[in-house]
PDB file of N, CA and C in Angstrom:
ATOM      1  N   MET A   1      -0.228   2.070 -14.375  1.00  0.00           N
ATOM      2  CA  MET A   1       0.371   0.748 -14.195  1.00  0.00           C
ATOM      3  C   MET A   1      -0.730  -0.335 -15.153  1.00  0.00           C
ATOM      4  N   GLU A   2      -1.218   0.280 -15.765  1.00  0.00           N
ATOM      5  CA  GLU A   2      -2.015  -0.723 -16.821  1.00  0.00           C
ATOM      6  C   GLU A   2      -1.283  -1.767 -17.471  1.00  0.00           C
ATOM      7  N   ASN A   3      -0.046  -1.559 -17.837  1.00  0.00           N
ATOM      8  CA  ASN A   3       0.928  -2.589 -18.193  1.00  0.00           C
ATOM      9  C   ASN A   3       2.125  -3.264 -17.851  1.00  0.00           C
ATOM     10  N   GLY A   4       1.810  -2.734 -16.402  1.00  0.00           N
ATOM     11  CA  GLY A   4       2.849  -3.501 -15.334  1.00  0.00           C
ATOM     12  C   GLY A   4       2.787  -5.090 -14.858  1.00  0.00           C
ATOM     13  N   PHE A   5       3.002  -5.002 -14.117  1.00  0.00           N
ATOM     14  CA  PHE A   5       2.777  -6.531 -13.160  1.00  0.00           C
ATOM     15  C   PHE A   5       3.035  -6.090 -11.454  1.00  0.00           C
ATOM     16  N   LYS A   6       2.715  -6.734 -10.851  1.00  0.00           N
ATOM     17  CA  LYS A   6       2.501  -7.018  -9.234  1.00  0.00           C
ATOM     18  C   LYS A   6       3.261  -7.979  -8.796  1.00  0.00           C
ATOM     19  N   ILE A   7       3.833  -7.258  -7.854  1.00  0.00           N
ATOM     20  CA  ILE A   7       4.364  -8.463  -7.066  1.00  0.00           C
ATOM     21  C   ILE A   7       4.313  -8.283  -5.496  1.00  0.00           C
ATOM     22  N   ALA A   8       3.973  -9.677  -5.160  1.00  0.00           N
ATOM     23  CA  ALA A   8       3.913  -9.480  -3.185  1.00  0.00           C
ATOM     24  C   ALA A   8       4.887 -10.245  -2.873  1.00  0.00           C
ATOM     25  N   ILE A   9       5.363  -9.552  -1.707  1.00  0.00           N
ATOM     26  CA  ILE A   9       6.330 -10.156  -0.544  1.00  0.00           C
ATOM     27  C   ILE A   9       5.721 -10.562   0.701  1.00  0.00           C
ATOM     28  N   SER A  10       5.936 -11.468   0.885  1.00  0.00           N
ATOM     29  CA  SER A  10       5.310 -12.351   2.476  1.00  0.00           C
ATOM     30  C   SER A  10       6.080 -12.828   2.989  1.00  0.00           C
ATOM     31  N   GLY A  11       6.052 -13.395   4.289  1.00  0.00           N
ATOM     32  CA  GLY A  11       6.759 -14.117   4.687  1.00  0.00           C
ATOM     33  C   GLY A  11       6.886 -13.972   6.153  1.00  0.00           C
ATOM     34  N   LYS A  12       7.462 -14.833   7.256  1.00  0.00           N
ATOM     35  CA  LYS A  12       7.681 -14.560   8.679  1.00  0.00           C
ATOM     36  C   LYS A  12       8.564 -13.454   9.003  1.00  0.00           C
ATOM     37  N   GLY A  13       8.047 -12.798   9.818  1.00  0.00           N
ATOM     38  CA  GLY A  13       8.496 -11.214  10.339  1.00  0.00           C
ATOM     39  C   GLY A  13      10.388 -11.360  10.537  1.00  0.00           C
ATOM     40  N   GLY A  14      10.702 -10.532  10.252  1.00  0.00           N
ATOM     41  CA  GLY A  14      12.026 -10.368  10.373  1.00  0.00           C
ATOM     42  C   GLY A  14      13.195 -10.993   9.335  1.00  0.00           C
ATOM     43  N   VAL A  15      12.566 -11.280   8.575  1.00  0.00           N
ATOM     44  CA  VAL A  15      13.025 -11.970   7.125  1.00  0.00           C
ATOM     45  C   VAL A  15      13.620 -11.330   6.151  1.00  0.00           C
ATOM     46  N   GLY A  16      13.323 -10.049   5.958  1.00  0.00           N
ATOM     47  CA  GLY A  16      14.101  -9.205   5.243  1.00  0.00           C
ATOM     48  C   GLY A  16      13.002  -8.531   4.069  1.00  0.00           C
ATOM     49  N   LYS A  17      11.874  -9.055   4.668  1.00  0.00           N
ATOM     50  CA  LYS A  17      10.706  -8.292   3.310  1.00  0.00           C
ATOM     51  C   LYS A  17      10.577  -6.919   2.757  1.00  0.00           C
ATOM     52  N   THR A  18      10.786  -6.215   3.591  1.00  0.00           N
ATOM     53  CA  THR A  18      11.138  -4.884   3.446  1.00  0.00           C
ATOM     54  C   THR A  18      12.355  -4.419   2.864  1.00  0.00           C
ATOM     55  N   THR A  19      13.639  -5.081   3.143  1.00  0.00           N
ATOM     56  CA  THR A  19      14.775  -4.453   2.336  1.00  0.00           C
ATOM     57  C   THR A  19      14.643  -5.075   1.122  1.00  0.00           C
ATOM     58  N   LEU A  20      14.186  -6.549   0.859  1.00  0.00           N
ATOM     59  CA  LEU A  20      13.927  -6.800  -0.525  1.00  0.00           C
ATOM     60  C   LEU A  20      12.795  -6.261  -1.723  1.00  0.00           C
ATOM     61  N   SER A  21      11.748  -5.978  -0.383  1.00  0.00           N
ATOM     62  CA  SER A  21      10.931  -4.611  -1.316  1.00  0.00           C
ATOM     63  C   SER A  21      11.612  -3.200  -2.022  1.00  0.00           C
ATOM     64  N   ALA A  22      12.463  -3.026  -1.035  1.00  0.00           N
ATOM     65  CA  ALA A  22      13.000  -1.868  -1.308  1.00  0.00           C
ATOM     66  C   ALA A  22      14.172  -1.925  -2.681  1.00  0.00           C
ATOM     67  N   LEU A  23      14.760  -2.987  -2.637  1.00  0.00           N
ATOM     68  CA  LEU A  23      15.930  -3.528  -3.684  1.00  0.00           C
ATOM     69  C   LEU A  23      14.959  -3.600  -4.746  1.00  0.00           C
ATOM     70  N   LEU A  24      14.056  -4.509  -4.908  1.00  0.00           N
ATOM     71  CA  LEU A  24      13.152  -4.513  -6.364  1.00  0.00           C
ATOM     72  C   LEU A  24      12.440  -3.463  -6.833  1.00  0.00           C
ATOM     73  N   SER A  25      12.159  -2.412  -5.780  1.00  0.00           N
ATOM     74  CA  SER A  25      11.252  -1.096  -6.306  1.00  0.00           C
ATOM     75  C   SER A  25      12.620  -0.476  -6.938  1.00  0.00           C
ATOM     76  N   HIS A  26      13.885  -0.301  -6.486  1.00  0.00           N
ATOM     77  CA  HIS A  26      14.599   0.416  -6.880  1.00  0.00           C
ATOM     78  C   HIS A  26      15.207  -0.065  -8.200  1.00  0.00           C
ATOM     79  N   LEU A  27      15.194  -1.419  -8.542  1.00  0.00           N
ATOM     80  CA  LEU A  27      16.006  -1.965  -9.630  1.00  0.00           C
ATOM     81  C   LEU A  27      14.454  -1.544 -10.518  1.00  0.00           C
ATOM     82  N   PHE A  28      13.441  -2.254 -10.181  1.00  0.00           N
ATOM     83  CA  PHE A  28      11.943  -1.679 -11.407  1.00  0.00           C
ATOM     84  C   PHE A  28      12.128  -0.422 -12.070  1.00  0.00           C
ATOM     85  N   ALA A  29      12.534   0.784 -10.666  1.00  0.00           N
ATOM     86  CA  ALA A  29      12.815   2.044 -11.253  1.00  0.00           C
ATOM     87  C   ALA A  29      13.522   2.344 -12.158  1.00  0.00           C
ATOM     88  N   GLU A  30      14.631   1.529 -12.767  1.00  0.00           N
ATOM     89  CA  GLU A  30      15.320   2.083 -13.917  1.00  0.00           C
ATOM     90  C   GLU A  30      14.348   1.901 -14.980  1.00  0.00           C
ATOM     91  N   ASP A  31      13.482   0.975 -15.041  1.00  0.00           N
ATOM     92  CA  ASP A  31      12.801   1.010 -16.350  1.00  0.00           C
ATOM     93  C   ASP A  31      11.344   2.006 -16.388  1.00  0.00           C
ATOM     94  N   GLY A  32      11.224   2.206 -15.148  1.00  0.00           N
ATOM     95  CA  GLY A  32      10.091   3.553 -15.207  1.00  0.00           C
ATOM     96  C   GLY A  32       9.556   3.322 -13.813  1.00  0.00           C
ATOM     97  N   PRO A  33       7.914   4.071 -13.952  1.00  0.00           N
ATOM     98  CA  PRO A  33       7.664   4.392 -12.792  1.00  0.00           C
ATOM     99  C   PRO A  33       7.460   3.073 -11.741  1.00  0.00           C
ATOM    100  N   VAL A  34       7.089   3.130 -10.401  1.00  0.00           N
ATOM    101  CA  VAL A  34       7.152   2.054  -9.947  1.00  0.00           C
ATOM    102  C   VAL A  34       6.076   2.366  -8.514  1.00  0.00           C
ATOM    103  N   LEU A  35       5.588   1.745  -8.375  1.00  0.00           N
ATOM    104  CA  LEU A  35       3.967   1.886  -7.007  1.00  0.00           C
ATOM    105  C   LEU A  35       4.642   0.696  -6.215  1.00  0.00           C
ATOM    106  N   ALA A  36       5.046   1.215  -4.788  1.00  0.00           N
ATOM    107  CA  ALA A  36       5.530   0.475  -4.023  1.00  0.00           C
ATOM    108  C   ALA A  36       4.395   0.647  -2.838  1.00  0.00           C
ATOM    109  N   VAL A  37       3.791  -0.490  -2.225  1.00  0.00           N
ATOM    110  CA  VAL A  37       2.773  -0.257  -1.828  1.00  0.00           C
ATOM    111  C   VAL A  37       2.983  -1.215   0.201  1.00  0.00           C
ATOM    112  N   ASP A  38       3.123  -0.795   1.197  1.00  0.00           N
ATOM    113  CA  ASP A  38       3.353  -1.301   2.538  1.00  0.00           C
ATOM    114  C   ASP A  38       2.403  -1.527   2.912  1.00  0.00           C
ATOM    115  N   ALA A  39       1.978  -2.755   2.914  1.00  0.00           N
ATOM    116  CA  ALA A  39       0.889  -3.328   3.742  1.00  0.00           C
ATOM    117  C   ALA A  39       0.915  -3.817   4.991  1.00  0.00           C
ATOM    118  N   ASP A  40       2.210  -3.424   5.813  1.00  0.00           N
ATOM    119  CA  ASP A  40       2.465  -4.030   7.066  1.00  0.00           C
ATOM    120  C   ASP A  40       2.474  -3.034   8.143  1.00  0.00           C
ATOM    121  N   PRO A  41       1.751  -3.337   9.003  1.00  0.00           N
ATOM    122  CA  PRO A  41       1.204  -2.620   9.962  1.00  0.00           C
ATOM    123  C   PRO A  41       2.247  -1.978  10.759  1.00  0.00           C
ATOM    124  N   ASP A  42       3.454  -2.046  10.567  1.00  0.00           N
ATOM    125  CA  ASP A  42       4.831  -1.474  11.103  1.00  0.00           C
ATOM    126  C   ASP A  42       5.436  -1.128   9.871  1.00  0.00           C
ATOM    127  N   ALA A  43       4.844  -0.321   9.507  1.00  0.00           N
ATOM    128  CA  ALA A  43       5.469   0.049   7.932  1.00  0.00           C
ATOM    129  C   ALA A  43       6.562   1.132   7.940  1.00  0.00           C
ATOM    130  N   ASN A  44       7.209   0.569   7.233  1.00  0.00           N
ATOM    131  CA  ASN A  44       8.643   0.995   6.874  1.00  0.00           C
ATOM    132  C   ASN A  44       9.213   1.057   5.482  1.00  0.00           C
ATOM    133  N   LEU A  45       8.932   0.885   4.636  1.00  0.00           N
ATOM    134  CA  LEU A  45       9.000   0.788   3.189  1.00  0.00           C
ATOM    135  C   LEU A  45       9.414   2.023   2.847  1.00  0.00           C
ATOM    136  N   GLY A  46       8.876   3.090   3.264  1.00  0.00           N
ATOM    137  CA  GLY A  46       9.220   4.517   2.785  1.00  0.00           C
ATOM    138  C   GLY A  46      10.787   4.989   3.282  1.00  0.00           C
ATOM    139  N   SER A  47      10.605   4.691   4.700  1.00  0.00           N
ATOM    140  CA  SER A  47      12.441   5.061   4.996  1.00  0.00           C
ATOM    141  C   SER A  47      13.306   4.172   4.183  1.00  0.00           C
ATOM    142  N   ALA A  48      12.994   2.384   4.078  1.00  0.00           N
ATOM    143  CA  ALA A  48      14.060   1.788   2.931  1.00  0.00           C
ATOM    144  C   ALA A  48      14.005   2.882   1.762  1.00  0.00           C
ATOM    145  N   LEU A  49      13.505   2.909   1.432  1.00  0.00           N
ATOM    146  CA  LEU A  49      13.330   3.554  -0.026  1.00  0.00           C
ATOM    147  C   LEU A  49      14.241   5.049  -0.175  1.00  0.00           C
ATOM    148  N   GLY A  50      14.315   5.447   1.124  1.00  0.00           N
ATOM    149  CA  GLY A  50      15.301   6.416   1.474  1.00  0.00           C
ATOM    150  C   GLY A  50      14.416   7.986   1.230  1.00  0.00           C
ATOM    151  N   PHE A  51      12.914   7.860   1.471  1.00  0.00           N
ATOM    152  CA  PHE A  51      11.898   8.905   1.405  1.00  0.00           C
ATOM    153  C   PHE A  51      12.501  10.062   2.436  1.00  0.00           C
ATOM    154  N   ASP A  52      12.194  11.453   2.112  1.00  0.00           N
ATOM    155  CA  ASP A  52      12.447  12.244   3.080  1.00  0.00           C
ATOM    156  C   ASP A  52      11.783  12.481   4.307  1.00  0.00           C
ATOM    157  N   GLN A  53      11.976  12.973   5.595  1.00  0.00           N
ATOM    158  CA  GLN A  53      11.102  12.664   6.672  1.00  0.00           C
ATOM    159  C   GLN A  53      10.098  13.202   6.456  1.00  0.00           C
ATOM    160  N   THR A  54      10.062  14.683   5.929  1.00  0.00           N
ATOM    161  CA  THR A  54       8.649  15.294   5.235  1.00  0.00           C
ATOM    162  C   THR A  54       7.899  14.386   4.466  1.00  0.00           C
ATOM    163  N   ILE A  55       7.804  14.090   3.674  1.00  0.00           N
ATOM    164  CA  ILE A  55       7.250  13.037   3.084  1.00  0.00           C
ATOM    165  C   ILE A  55       6.507  12.090   3.622  1.00  0.00           C
ATOM    166  N   LEU A  56       7.530  11.112   4.681  1.00  0.00           N
ATOM    167  CA  LEU A  56       7.085  10.023   5.594  1.00  0.00           C
ATOM    168  C   LEU A  56       5.864  10.631   6.677  1.00  0.00           C
ATOM    169  N   GLU A  57       6.408  11.673   6.870  1.00  0.00           N
ATOM    170  CA  GLU A  57       5.199  12.239   7.986  1.00  0.00           C
ATOM    171  C   GLU A  57       3.686  12.397   6.956  1.00  0.00           C
ATOM    172  N   ARG A  58       3.388  12.574   6.122  1.00  0.00           N
ATOM    173  CA  ARG A  58       2.571  12.565   4.912  1.00  0.00           C
ATOM    174  C   ARG A  58       1.849  11.618   4.807  1.00  0.00           C
ATOM    175  N   LEU A  59       2.125  10.388   4.999  1.00  0.00           N
ATOM    176  CA  LEU A  59       1.917   9.309   4.607  1.00  0.00           C
ATOM    177  C   LEU A  59       0.512   8.591   5.394  1.00  0.00           C
ATOM    178  N   VAL A  60      -0.326   8.280   4.870  1.00  0.00           N
ATOM    179  CA  VAL A  60      -1.665   7.921   5.424  1.00  0.00           C
ATOM    180  C   VAL A  60      -1.585   6.424   5.430  1.00  0.00           C
ATOM    181  N   ALA A  61      -1.644   5.822   6.441  1.00  0.00           N
ATOM    182  CA  ALA A  61      -2.255   4.223   6.039  1.00  0.00           C
ATOM    183  C   ALA A  61      -3.459   4.126   5.356  1.00  0.00           C
ATOM    184  N   ILE A  62      -3.941   3.444   4.212  1.00  0.00           N
ATOM    185  CA  ILE A  62      -5.295   3.216   3.694  1.00  0.00           C
ATOM    186  C   ILE A  62      -6.257   2.679   4.702  1.00  0.00           C
ATOM    187  N   SER A  63      -5.746   1.928   6.027  1.00  0.00           N
ATOM    188  CA  SER A  63      -6.374   1.234   6.542  1.00  0.00           C
ATOM    189  C   SER A  63      -7.119   1.941   7.990  1.00  0.00           C
ATOM    190  N   THR A  64      -6.963   3.315   7.679  1.00  0.00           N
ATOM    191  CA  THR A  64      -7.449   4.273   8.751  1.00  0.00           C
ATOM    192  C   THR A  64      -8.286   5.321   8.452  1.00  0.00           C
ATOM    193  N   ASP A  65      -8.360   4.683   6.831  1.00  0.00           N
ATOM    194  CA  ASP A  65      -9.379   5.412   6.690  1.00  0.00           C
ATOM    195  C   ASP A  65     -11.208   5.011   6.223  1.00  0.00           C
ATOM    196  N   LYS A  66     -11.528   5.282   7.378  1.00  0.00           N
ATOM    197  CA  LYS A  66     -13.155   4.169   7.496  1.00  0.00           C
ATOM    198  C   LYS A  66     -14.045   4.420   6.392  1.00  0.00           C
ATOM    199  N   GLU A  67     -14.134   5.924   5.731  1.00  0.00           N
ATOM    200  CA  GLU A  67     -14.709   6.393   4.820  1.00  0.00           C
ATOM    201  C   GLU A  67     -14.635   5.869   3.667  1.00  0.00           C
ATOM    202  N   LEU A  68     -13.201   5.517   3.116  1.00  0.00           N
ATOM    203  CA  LEU A  68     -13.065   5.046   2.305  1.00  0.00           C
ATOM    204  C   LEU A  68     -13.331   3.714   2.311  1.00  0.00           C
ATOM    205  N   ILE A  69     -13.307   3.006   3.350  1.00  0.00           N
ATOM    206  CA  ILE A  69     -13.360   1.479   3.304  1.00  0.00           C
ATOM    207  C   ILE A  69     -15.167   1.395   3.217  1.00  0.00           C
ATOM    208  N   LYS A  70     -16.005   2.124   3.899  1.00  0.00           N
ATOM    209  CA  LYS A  70     -17.101   1.657   4.009  1.00  0.00           C
ATOM    210  C   LYS A  70     -17.778   2.194   2.639  1.00  0.00           C
ATOM    211  N   GLN A  71     -17.003   3.051   1.581  1.00  0.00           N
ATOM    212  CA  GLN A  71     -17.634   3.864   0.664  1.00  0.00           C
ATOM    213  C   GLN A  71     -17.277   2.460  -0.833  1.00  0.00           C
ATOM    214  N   ARG A  72     -16.216   1.677  -0.058  1.00  0.00           N
ATOM    215  CA  ARG A  72     -15.815   0.611  -1.716  1.00  0.00           C
ATOM    216  C   ARG A  72     -16.238  -0.646  -1.068  1.00  0.00           C
ATOM    217  N   THR A  73     -16.279  -0.931   0.217  1.00  0.00           N
ATOM    218  CA  THR A  73     -16.736  -2.257   0.457  1.00  0.00           C
ATOM    219  C   THR A  73     -18.512  -2.527   1.101  1.00  0.00           C
ATOM    220  N   GLY A  74     -19.089  -1.009   1.264  1.00  0.00           N
ATOM    221  CA  GLY A  74     -20.236  -1.258   1.707  1.00  0.00           C
ATOM    222  C   GLY A  74     -20.558  -1.551   2.742  1.00  0.00           C
ATOM    223  N   ALA A  75     -19.434  -1.822   3.919  1.00  0.00           N
ATOM    224  CA  ALA A  75     -19.775  -2.168   5.350  1.00  0.00           C
ATOM    225  C   ALA A  75     -18.763  -0.900   6.284  1.00  0.00           C
ATOM    226  N   GLU A  76     -19.493  -0.900   7.562  1.00  0.00           N
ATOM    227  CA  GLU A  76     -18.958   0.081   8.312  1.00  0.00           C
ATOM    228  C   GLU A  76     -17.850  -0.547   8.885  1.00  0.00           C
ATOM    229  N   PRO A  77     -16.855  -0.228   9.170  1.00  0.00           N
ATOM    230  CA  PRO A  77     -15.766  -0.467  10.023  1.00  0.00           C
ATOM    231  C   PRO A  77     -16.189  -0.348  11.778  1.00  0.00           C
ATOM    232  N   GLY A  78     -15.647  -2.004  11.943  1.00  0.00           N
ATOM    233  CA  GLY A  78     -16.422  -1.780  13.634  1.00  0.00           C
ATOM    234  C   GLY A  78     -17.362  -2.386  13.553  1.00  0.00           C
ATOM    235  N   VAL A  79     -18.311  -2.422  12.726  1.00  0.00           N
ATOM    236  CA  VAL A  79     -19.911  -2.856  13.250  1.00  0.00           C
ATOM    237  C   VAL A  79     -20.091  -4.326  12.649  1.00  0.00           C
ATOM    238  N   SER A  80     -20.420  -5.532  13.328  1.00  0.00           N
ATOM    239  CA  SER A  80     -20.483  -6.792  12.836  1.00  0.00           C
ATOM    240  C   SER A  80     -21.686  -7.029  11.802  1.00  0.00           C
ATOM    241  N   GLY A  81     -21.618  -8.014  11.391  1.00  0.00           N
ATOM    242  CA  GLY A  81     -22.730  -8.794  10.982  1.00  0.00           C
ATOM    243  C   GLY A  81     -23.311  -8.295   9.321  1.00  0.00           C
ATOM    244  N   GLN A  82     -22.246  -7.342   8.590  1.00  0.00           N
ATOM    245  CA  GLN A  82     -22.562  -6.702   7.699  1.00  0.00           C
ATOM    246  C   GLN A  82     -22.054  -7.744   6.605  1.00  0.00           C
ATOM    247  N   ILE A  83     -22.771  -7.360   5.071  1.00  0.00           N
ATOM    248  CA  ILE A  83     -22.294  -8.105   4.123  1.00  0.00           C
ATOM    249  C   ILE A  83     -21.683  -6.919   3.102  1.00  0.00           C
ATOM    250  N   PHE A  84     -20.541  -7.353   2.846  1.00  0.00           N
ATOM    251  CA  PHE A  84     -19.630  -6.332   1.993  1.00  0.00           C
ATOM    252  C   PHE A  84     -18.899  -6.691   0.732  1.00  0.00           C
ATOM    253  N   THR A  85     -18.742  -6.136  -0.030  1.00  0.00           N
ATOM    254  CA  THR A  85     -18.173  -6.206  -1.418  1.00  0.00           C
ATOM    255  C   THR A  85     -16.880  -7.141  -1.196  1.00  0.00           C
ATOM    256  N   LEU A  86     -16.535  -8.114  -1.763  1.00  0.00           N
ATOM    257  CA  LEU A  86     -15.410  -8.846  -1.735  1.00  0.00           C
ATOM    258  C   LEU A  86     -14.364  -8.335  -2.777  1.00  0.00           C
ATOM    259  N   ASN A  87     -14.418  -7.663  -3.862  1.00  0.00           N
ATOM    260  CA  ASN A  87     -13.554  -7.570  -4.782  1.00  0.00           C
ATOM    261  C   ASN A  87     -14.008  -5.822  -4.991  1.00  0.00           C
ATOM    262  N   PRO A  88     -13.732  -4.713  -3.880  1.00  0.00           N
ATOM    263  CA  PRO A  88     -14.016  -3.545  -4.449  1.00  0.00           C
ATOM    264  C   PRO A  88     -13.226  -2.796  -5.462  1.00  0.00           C
ATOM    265  N   ARG A  89     -13.540  -1.894  -6.152  1.00  0.00           N
ATOM    266  CA  ARG A  89     -12.843  -1.183  -6.973  1.00  0.00           C
ATOM    267  C   ARG A  89     -11.370  -0.874  -6.330  1.00  0.00           C
ATOM    268  N   VAL A  90     -10.618  -0.741  -6.708  1.00  0.00           N
ATOM    269  CA  VAL A  90      -9.087  -0.133  -5.834  1.00  0.00           C
ATOM    270  C   VAL A  90      -7.940   0.413  -6.921  1.00  0.00           C
ATOM    271  N   ASP A  91      -8.280   0.403  -8.177  1.00  0.00           N
ATOM    272  CA  ASP A  91      -7.534   0.601  -9.299  1.00  0.00           C
ATOM    273  C   ASP A  91      -7.171   2.352  -9.031  1.00  0.00           C
ATOM    274  N   ASP A  92      -8.103   3.308  -8.549  1.00  0.00           N
ATOM    275  CA  ASP A  92      -8.049   4.626  -8.548  1.00  0.00           C
ATOM    276  C   ASP A  92      -6.918   5.089  -6.765  1.00  0.00           C
ATOM    277  N   ILE A  93      -6.997   4.253  -6.407  1.00  0.00           N
ATOM    278  CA  ILE A  93      -6.859   4.437  -4.958  1.00  0.00           C
ATOM    279  C   ILE A  93      -5.192   4.889  -5.187  1.00  0.00           C
ATOM    280  N   PRO A  94      -4.527   4.730  -6.014  1.00  0.00           N
ATOM    281  CA  PRO A  94      -2.714   5.598  -5.909  1.00  0.00           C
ATOM    282  C   PRO A  94      -3.265   6.793  -6.396  1.00  0.00           C
ATOM    283  N   LEU A  95      -4.106   7.045  -7.376  1.00  0.00           N
ATOM    284  CA  LEU A  95      -4.242   8.708  -7.542  1.00  0.00           C
ATOM    285  C   LEU A  95      -5.002   9.274  -6.304  1.00  0.00           C
ATOM    286  N   ILE A  96      -5.298   8.763  -5.789  1.00  0.00           N
ATOM    287  CA  ILE A  96      -6.477   9.428  -4.443  1.00  0.00           C
ATOM    288  C   ILE A  96      -5.038  10.097  -3.415  1.00  0.00           C
ATOM    289  N   PHE A  97      -3.941   8.747  -3.491  1.00  0.00           N
ATOM    290  CA  PHE A  97      -2.980   9.358  -2.437  1.00  0.00           C
ATOM    291  C   PHE A  97      -1.502   9.848  -2.699  1.00  0.00           C
ATOM    292  N   GLU A  98      -1.827  10.061  -3.952  1.00  0.00           N
ATOM    293  CA  GLU A  98      -0.842  10.776  -4.661  1.00  0.00           C
ATOM    294  C   GLU A  98       0.283  11.890  -4.391  1.00  0.00           C
ATOM    295  N   LEU A  99       1.262  11.227  -3.822  1.00  0.00           N
ATOM    296  CA  LEU A  99       2.328  12.718  -3.079  1.00  0.00           C
ATOM    297  C   LEU A  99       2.361  13.748  -3.844  1.00  0.00           C
TER     298      LEU A  99
END
């Protein structure tokens, strides 16, 4: 994704963010690979993109990987009063979680 661009979609709940994200992902995929990230706690982008249930069951929320969070930020999740890295390296995360 070195030569690509990033689009973030946010807003009030129930306004169609997931639907819009899936639509844009499909449209941009006509021109090449697309990395679509669902940061919503109620993650449904995979379903909206039409992924098979067996693939959806293998998806892992990065926010649940406490070891990765600790490794990248220098802080242990759930422990208060820590100093952590504000801009950790994340460019390799798509490769780590590749399906």
